């Protein structure tokens, strides 16, 4: 069932001094965007907190997965309405033992409040991902499909499977998105669309999948309906990108969208910081705004007119944060 939305007229009635509607500047390189009303009272903010690539029970990382899990648990305890997310590579090989003795112990205490997505490591021991679906049940979407959607106040979130049934999901997205034009949109999956290549023992290793057969089909559907941001993982660090539109002539790089009349640009966060050993970038992606090689969690706070993000490492230090005004003004 959809949550109710606030009309523009109702929002205006809640704002003192209707004659002075402020222009709200966005963060970083995005400059001044579309005029935005202060709709923060239209809904209670929703918090999402988590990371991908926990690799729980890996011989090299168990203490790190426990550390990030504790950070998430503390936030959920402080905010009963908050949700956790874990965007792929929850365990190293996808076995039932790893889920039982690794992930369950590190992050399982808040399983019922977690939004999972499947990664490539979930399919290593069993290409069908049976232990993943056994562990999560209905929380992971339809068994063998691994995608689903959920609403959070004035936001619609899509949790997608980057490993399989991609064309099926793209068709499902194209059919579902038109019903949610009165909502802000975000999405989450494992393998990122854009990302800097990794430096793996001196070897350059591409980690993204920008082609149409990969994440491009998701990106195109989402940008058509003015999605605000996408979360990926797979790359063992944190990266933040500006609003970007997929560029068919130069797919690996995309186009930074700074024109206020252009609504297709999507901001991407790469969050592979859940516990796995970190990996530096070989060379920065030409459009990337921020790279942080660390372990930790990212908190997103969703408002009716904007969203905020904050990366906190396992020592408690905030390594990146910001606010982005949404391009869309919600209306009936």
Protein backbone atom coordinates (compact mmCIF):
# COMPACT_ATOMS: atom_id res chain seq x y z
CA UNK A 1 0.00 0.00 0.00
CA UNK A 2 1.40 3.40 -0.92
CA UNK A 3 2.07 6.04 1.66
CA UNK A 4 0.19 9.31 1.24
CA UNK A 5 2.00 12.23 -0.36
CA UNK A 6 1.83 15.93 0.28
CA UNK A 7 0.57 18.25 -2.42
CA UNK A 8 2.50 21.33 -3.34
CA UNK A 9 -0.30 23.52 -1.98
CA UNK A 10 -0.24 21.75 1.38
CA UNK A 11 3.51 22.06 1.54
CA UNK A 12 3.27 25.78 0.89
CA UNK A 13 0.75 26.17 3.68
CA UNK A 14 3.26 24.75 6.12
CA UNK A 15 5.95 27.25 5.25
CA UNK A 16 6.10 30.61 6.92
CA UNK A 17 6.52 33.49 4.55
CA UNK A 18 5.13 32.05 1.35
CA UNK A 19 6.40 34.92 -0.74
CA UNK A 20 10.05 33.99 -0.25
CA UNK A 21 10.77 30.55 -1.62
CA UNK A 22 14.52 29.86 -1.33
CA UNK A 23 16.81 28.43 -3.90
CA UNK A 24 18.71 25.58 -2.27
CA UNK A 25 22.24 24.88 -3.47
CA UNK A 26 23.45 21.31 -3.67
CA UNK A 27 26.76 20.00 -2.40
CA UNK A 28 30.13 19.59 -4.10
CA UNK A 29 30.28 20.29 -7.84
CA UNK A 30 26.57 20.20 -8.58
CA UNK A 31 26.08 23.98 -8.22
CA UNK A 32 22.67 25.64 -8.05
CA UNK A 33 19.80 23.40 -9.05
CA UNK A 34 16.04 23.68 -9.45
CA UNK A 35 14.19 25.89 -6.92
CA UNK A 36 13.12 23.64 -4.04
CA UNK A 37 10.52 24.04 -1.35
CA UNK A 38 11.34 23.09 2.23
CA UNK A 39 9.25 19.94 2.45
CA UNK A 40 11.07 18.48 5.42
CA UNK A 41 7.86 18.48 7.47
CA UNK A 42 6.00 16.47 4.83
CA UNK A 43 7.37 13.19 6.19
CA UNK A 44 9.51 11.97 9.02
CA UNK A 45 13.03 11.34 7.73
CA UNK A 46 13.90 7.73 7.00
CA UNK A 47 17.35 6.37 7.81
CA UNK A 48 19.14 3.65 5.84
CA UNK A 49 22.53 2.47 7.13
CA UNK A 50 24.88 -0.23 5.96
CA UNK A 51 27.54 -1.33 3.51
CA UNK A 52 28.34 -4.03 1.02
CA UNK A 53 31.12 -6.62 0.99
CA UNK A 54 31.05 -7.74 4.60
CA UNK A 55 32.55 -11.13 3.59
CA UNK A 56 31.55 -12.44 7.01
CA UNK A 57 33.51 -15.52 8.16
CA UNK A 58 36.39 -14.79 5.81
CA UNK A 59 39.61 -15.75 7.60
CA UNK A 60 40.97 -12.25 6.97
CA UNK A 61 37.97 -10.13 7.96
CA UNK A 62 35.73 -11.52 10.74
CA UNK A 63 36.62 -8.78 13.20
CA UNK A 64 35.86 -6.12 10.59
CA UNK A 65 32.41 -7.52 9.79
CA UNK A 66 31.67 -7.58 13.53
CA UNK A 67 32.80 -3.96 13.86
CA UNK A 68 30.59 -2.69 11.05
CA UNK A 69 27.70 -4.84 12.26
CA UNK A 70 27.96 -3.24 15.69
CA UNK A 71 27.85 0.22 14.12
CA UNK A 72 24.67 -0.65 12.26
CA UNK A 73 23.11 -2.29 15.33
CA UNK A 74 23.75 0.80 17.45
CA UNK A 75 22.03 3.05 14.92
CA UNK A 76 19.03 0.74 14.60
CA UNK A 77 18.69 0.59 18.38
CA UNK A 78 18.64 4.39 18.52
CA UNK A 79 16.06 4.68 15.71
CA UNK A 80 13.34 2.00 15.59
CA UNK A 81 12.25 3.21 12.14
CA UNK A 82 15.71 2.86 10.56
CA UNK A 83 16.68 0.14 8.08
CA UNK A 84 19.96 -1.65 7.47
CA UNK A 85 21.21 -2.54 4.00
CA UNK A 86 23.89 -4.94 2.80
CA UNK A 87 24.46 -4.63 -0.93
CA UNK A 88 26.09 -7.91 -1.90
CA UNK A 89 29.03 -10.17 -1.02
CA UNK A 90 27.73 -10.77 2.46
CA UNK A 91 29.89 -13.91 2.78
CA UNK A 92 32.99 -15.09 0.87
CA UNK A 93 31.64 -18.18 -0.91
CA UNK A 94 27.90 -18.28 -0.40
CA UNK A 95 27.76 -21.42 1.75
CA UNK A 96 25.14 -22.19 4.39
CA UNK A 97 27.90 -22.42 7.00
CA UNK A 98 29.12 -18.93 6.20
CA UNK A 99 25.63 -17.51 6.56
CA UNK A 100 25.04 -19.39 9.81
CA UNK A 101 28.42 -18.91 11.49
CA UNK A 102 29.55 -15.69 9.83
CA UNK A 103 26.88 -13.30 8.65
CA UNK A 104 24.31 -14.32 11.26
CA UNK A 105 26.73 -13.63 14.10
CA UNK A 106 28.09 -10.38 12.65
CA UNK A 107 24.95 -8.76 11.16
CA UNK A 108 22.14 -11.23 11.83
CA UNK A 109 20.77 -9.58 14.98
CA UNK A 110 18.92 -7.08 12.78
CA UNK A 111 18.12 -9.47 9.93
CA UNK A 112 14.40 -8.59 9.94
CA UNK A 113 15.29 -4.91 9.40
CA UNK A 114 17.87 -5.51 6.66
CA UNK A 115 17.48 -4.80 2.94
CA UNK A 116 19.76 -7.35 1.21
CA UNK A 117 20.97 -7.62 -2.37
CA UNK A 118 22.86 -10.54 -3.86
CA UNK A 119 26.50 -10.32 -4.94
CA UNK A 120 28.80 -12.49 -7.03
CA UNK A 121 30.28 -14.20 -3.95
CA UNK A 122 26.85 -15.46 -2.92
CA UNK A 123 26.91 -17.63 -6.06
CA UNK A 124 30.40 -19.16 -5.86
CA UNK A 125 29.61 -22.39 -4.00
CA UNK A 126 26.15 -22.75 -5.55
CA UNK A 127 25.37 -20.84 -8.77
CA UNK A 128 21.67 -20.94 -7.86
CA UNK A 129 22.39 -19.04 -4.63
CA UNK A 130 20.32 -21.54 -2.63
CA UNK A 131 21.99 -20.80 0.76
CA UNK A 132 21.41 -17.06 0.21
CA UNK A 133 17.71 -17.57 -0.49
CA UNK A 134 17.41 -20.13 2.30
CA UNK A 135 18.83 -17.61 4.76
CA UNK A 136 16.81 -14.58 3.68
CA UNK A 137 13.54 -16.14 2.58
CA UNK A 138 11.01 -13.57 1.38
CA UNK A 139 13.24 -10.69 2.51
CA UNK A 140 15.39 -11.21 -0.61
CA UNK A 141 12.51 -11.13 -3.09
CA UNK A 142 11.35 -14.06 -5.18
CA UNK A 143 13.62 -17.07 -4.79
CA UNK A 144 16.09 -17.29 -7.65
CA UNK A 145 15.21 -13.77 -8.83
CA UNK A 146 16.57 -11.70 -5.95
CA UNK A 147 14.98 -8.33 -6.70
CA UNK A 148 12.20 -6.35 -5.04
CA UNK A 149 10.99 -2.82 -4.26
CA UNK A 150 9.93 -1.01 -1.11
CA UNK A 151 8.54 2.42 -0.24
CA UNK A 152 9.93 4.63 2.52
CA UNK A 153 7.68 7.63 3.08
CA UNK A 154 7.98 9.71 -0.11
CA UNK A 155 10.74 7.48 -1.50
CA UNK A 156 10.60 4.34 -3.65
CA UNK A 157 13.60 2.02 -3.40
CA UNK A 158 14.58 -0.73 -5.87
CA UNK A 159 16.83 -3.57 -4.70
CA UNK A 160 18.19 -5.32 -7.75
CA UNK A 161 20.18 -8.40 -8.71
CA UNK A 162 23.27 -7.48 -10.73
CA UNK A 163 24.18 -11.14 -11.21
CA UNK A 164 21.17 -12.58 -13.06
CA UNK A 165 17.82 -11.97 -14.82
CA UNK A 166 18.92 -8.44 -15.71
CA UNK A 167 16.72 -8.01 -18.79
CA UNK A 168 13.76 -9.30 -16.78
CA UNK A 169 14.45 -6.72 -14.09
CA UNK A 170 14.84 -3.92 -16.63
CA UNK A 171 11.41 -4.76 -18.03
CA UNK A 172 9.97 -4.88 -14.52
CA UNK A 173 11.52 -1.50 -13.72
CA UNK A 174 10.14 0.03 -16.90
CA UNK A 175 6.67 -1.23 -15.99
CA UNK A 176 6.82 -0.21 -12.31
CA UNK A 177 8.48 3.21 -12.40
CA UNK A 178 5.60 5.09 -14.09
CA UNK A 179 3.43 4.35 -11.04
CA UNK A 180 5.85 6.21 -8.76
CA UNK A 181 6.33 9.58 -10.43
CA UNK A 182 5.14 11.28 -7.22
CA UNK A 183 8.01 9.74 -5.27
CA UNK A 184 11.75 10.20 -5.15
CA UNK A 185 13.58 7.16 -6.50
CA UNK A 186 16.75 5.33 -5.45
CA UNK A 187 18.17 1.91 -6.27
CA UNK A 188 20.76 -0.52 -4.93
CA UNK A 189 22.66 -3.45 -6.41
CA UNK A 190 26.10 -5.04 -6.13
CA UNK A 191 28.29 -4.45 -9.21
CA UNK A 192 28.53 -0.70 -9.83
CA UNK A 193 27.80 1.03 -13.11
CA UNK A 194 30.75 3.44 -12.86
CA UNK A 195 33.80 2.93 -10.64
CA UNK A 196 37.56 3.40 -10.63
CA UNK A 197 39.59 0.29 -11.56
CA UNK A 198 41.25 -1.49 -8.65
CA UNK A 199 44.95 -1.90 -8.05
CA UNK A 200 45.24 -5.62 -7.31
CA UNK A 201 48.91 -6.31 -6.57
CA UNK A 202 49.92 -3.80 -9.23
CA UNK A 203 47.42 -5.08 -11.82
CA UNK A 204 44.61 -2.86 -13.12
CA UNK A 205 41.30 -4.67 -12.58
CA UNK A 206 38.03 -3.16 -13.91
CA UNK A 207 35.27 -3.52 -11.31
CA UNK A 208 32.27 -1.80 -12.91
CA UNK A 209 29.86 -2.97 -15.59
CA UNK A 210 28.68 0.08 -17.56
CA UNK A 211 27.52 -1.79 -20.67
CA UNK A 212 23.85 -2.19 -21.52
CA UNK A 213 23.98 -5.93 -20.85
CA UNK A 214 25.30 -5.11 -17.40
CA UNK A 215 24.06 -2.24 -15.27
CA UNK A 216 23.37 0.10 -18.18
CA UNK A 217 19.84 -1.19 -18.67
CA UNK A 218 19.01 -0.45 -15.02
CA UNK A 219 20.62 2.98 -15.21
CA UNK A 220 18.74 4.01 -18.35
CA UNK A 221 15.37 3.04 -16.88
CA UNK A 222 16.13 4.88 -13.64
CA UNK A 223 17.44 8.06 -15.25
CA UNK A 224 14.33 8.26 -17.42
CA UNK A 225 12.29 8.57 -14.23
CA UNK A 226 14.61 11.00 -12.45
CA UNK A 227 16.13 8.64 -9.90
CA UNK A 228 18.16 10.51 -7.31
CA UNK A 229 20.90 8.04 -6.40
CA UNK A 230 22.18 4.49 -6.81
CA UNK A 231 24.23 2.40 -4.38
CA UNK A 232 26.73 -0.20 -5.59
CA UNK A 233 29.43 -2.28 -3.94
CA UNK A 234 31.87 -4.92 -5.24
CA UNK A 235 34.80 -2.50 -5.12
CA UNK A 236 36.48 -2.70 -1.72
CA UNK A 237 36.36 0.96 -0.77
CA UNK A 238 34.06 3.99 -0.91
CA UNK A 239 33.54 6.20 -3.97
CA UNK A 240 31.12 9.05 -4.55
CA UNK A 241 30.15 10.33 -7.99
CA UNK A 242 28.24 13.45 -9.04
CA UNK A 243 24.95 13.35 -10.87
CA UNK A 244 25.73 11.60 -14.11
CA UNK A 245 23.84 10.63 -17.22
CA UNK A 246 24.78 7.50 -19.12
CA UNK A 247 26.54 8.53 -22.33
CA UNK A 248 26.17 5.98 -25.12
CA UNK A 249 29.16 7.46 -26.97
CA UNK A 250 31.48 7.15 -23.98
CA UNK A 251 29.84 4.61 -21.69
CA UNK A 252 32.67 4.13 -19.15
CA UNK A 253 32.70 7.82 -18.23
CA UNK A 254 29.17 9.17 -18.53
CA UNK A 255 28.28 12.86 -18.53
CA UNK A 256 28.16 15.05 -15.42
CA UNK A 257 24.78 16.78 -15.33
CA UNK A 258 25.01 20.41 -14.16
CA UNK A 259 22.24 21.95 -16.26
CA UNK A 260 19.18 22.53 -13.99
CA UNK A 261 16.88 21.66 -16.91
CA UNK A 262 18.41 18.18 -17.20
CA UNK A 263 16.71 15.77 -14.83
CA UNK A 264 18.25 12.45 -15.86
CA UNK A 265 21.49 12.59 -13.90
CA UNK A 266 21.91 10.04 -11.09
CA UNK A 267 24.41 10.26 -8.25
CA UNK A 268 26.19 6.98 -7.49
CA UNK A 269 27.77 5.75 -4.27
CA UNK A 270 30.09 2.73 -4.27
CA UNK A 271 30.05 1.21 -0.78
CA UNK A 272 32.24 -1.88 -0.51
CA UNK A 273 33.35 -1.07 3.03
CA UNK A 274 31.54 -3.69 5.13
CA UNK A 275 34.58 -5.66 6.29
CA UNK A 276 36.48 -7.13 3.36
CA UNK A 277 40.19 -6.19 2.95
CA UNK A 278 40.32 -2.82 1.23
CA UNK A 279 41.71 -2.23 -2.24
CA UNK A 280 43.08 1.09 -3.60
CA UNK A 281 42.17 2.57 -6.95
CA UNK A 282 44.61 1.99 -9.82
CA UNK A 283 43.63 5.35 -11.33
CA UNK A 284 40.66 7.51 -10.30
CA UNK A 285 37.63 7.47 -12.56
CA UNK A 286 37.61 10.79 -14.46
CA UNK A 287 34.29 11.84 -12.91
CA UNK A 288 34.70 10.59 -9.34
CA UNK A 289 34.31 13.22 -6.59
CA UNK A 290 35.58 11.30 -3.58
CA UNK A 291 37.54 8.10 -2.93
CA UNK A 292 38.05 6.78 0.61
CA UNK A 293 39.89 3.49 1.17
CA UNK A 294 38.44 2.36 4.48
CA UNK A 295 36.04 0.04 6.27
CA UNK A 296 32.87 1.46 7.75
CA UNK A 297 29.21 2.15 7.11
CA UNK A 298 27.25 4.81 5.24
CA UNK A 299 24.07 6.37 6.58
CA UNK A 300 21.49 7.89 4.25
CA UNK A 301 18.72 10.10 5.62
CA UNK A 302 15.79 10.54 3.26
CA UNK A 303 13.65 13.66 3.48
CA UNK A 304 10.78 14.84 1.31
CA UNK A 305 12.97 17.38 -0.47
CA UNK A 306 16.55 16.11 -0.08
CA UNK A 307 18.78 13.33 1.16
CA UNK A 308 21.91 13.33 3.29
CA UNK A 309 24.78 10.86 3.47
CA UNK A 310 27.56 10.19 5.96
CA UNK A 311 30.43 7.70 5.77
CA UNK A 312 31.82 6.75 9.18
CA UNK A 313 34.82 4.45 9.44
CA UNK A 314 35.23 1.71 12.05
CA UNK A 315 37.17 4.08 14.33
CA UNK A 316 34.20 6.45 14.46
CA UNK A 317 35.67 9.14 12.18
CA UNK A 318 33.35 10.71 9.59
CA UNK A 319 35.19 10.45 6.28
CA UNK A 320 32.60 11.91 3.91
CA UNK A 321 29.22 13.61 4.24
CA UNK A 322 26.89 15.81 2.24
CA UNK A 323 23.40 16.89 1.32
CA UNK A 324 21.70 16.76 -2.07
CA UNK A 325 18.53 18.66 -2.87
CA UNK A 326 16.15 16.51 -4.87
CA UNK A 327 15.35 17.73 -8.35
CA UNK A 328 11.71 16.71 -8.18
CA UNK A 329 9.16 18.76 -6.24
CA UNK A 330 6.53 16.30 -5.08
CA UNK A 331 2.97 17.13 -6.01
CA UNK A 332 -0.40 15.43 -6.34
